[in-house]
């Protein structure tokens, strides 16, 4: 609690019904009859969110001023156009760094998108519970780059290793803004790839506990996103969103059995802002 404002757990509700997050199981077509349902999800992840004592609620979502209808029907062509325009102009001012400059080893993640029933969906994973770092966190497929490896090549390699995604099935369309992370000490380049349809994916149990997808329109729905302001004494924050009280924003998306936060949430926020033009 800070200034009389306490953080509370929020129930997940979208327009009165549960979100349609879909698990990808085995090699089943994610949009087909064997795709499964939200009831097929494994138990909630065991991630630990290191919320400091000095934390308080932040502002509403950047897209909160849009009518709900403006946040639905996000076709893949619309997303492609927004990402390609961003990539061409390198417009990096909307979402920037999440930590220190000169963070060390470069990494890349794959923001894999496909369209189903008129909505663009994004592939996410839950990291395996036995991993030493970022245990149980939701993330994009990706990891550290090999020496001399391009972000696109590294993201495809990691996606193949983690979830069995065929690199030949991915059309690269651009990059989001690279960001540096405080916790892992790396700079991450998000590369955006388009799939011709819902992929058949299998989680590598050595790295991934669960692989699933969710639509961008559901991420932008009321009640899914929230911002918290964190104050960590002694931690410099070279970001435009830093507050006069020393706070910085941390963003969250609440999904069934999972909370997306940290670097992954920042990338999703940038993607949504580009697509929704907010």
Foldseek 3Di string as FASTA:
>chain_A
DPPPADDDDFDDDFPRDAAFWWFFAAQDQCQDPPRDTPVPDDFFFDFDDPADPPKHFDDDAPCVPPDLVLLPLLAPVLLLVLQLVCQVVVPQQPFEAAADPPLDFAKEAEFEWEDDPRFIKTKKFFWDQPDPPRHRAIAGQMDTDDVPDDRLVRNLVRCCVFWNDDSVQWDWRGWHYWYAHDPPSYIYIYTYTYGHGGGRTHGDNVTTDTMIMGTLSSQVGPPFKTKMWGADPPGDDPHPQQDPVRTHIKMWGDHVSHIHTDPRRSVSSRSSCSSSVD
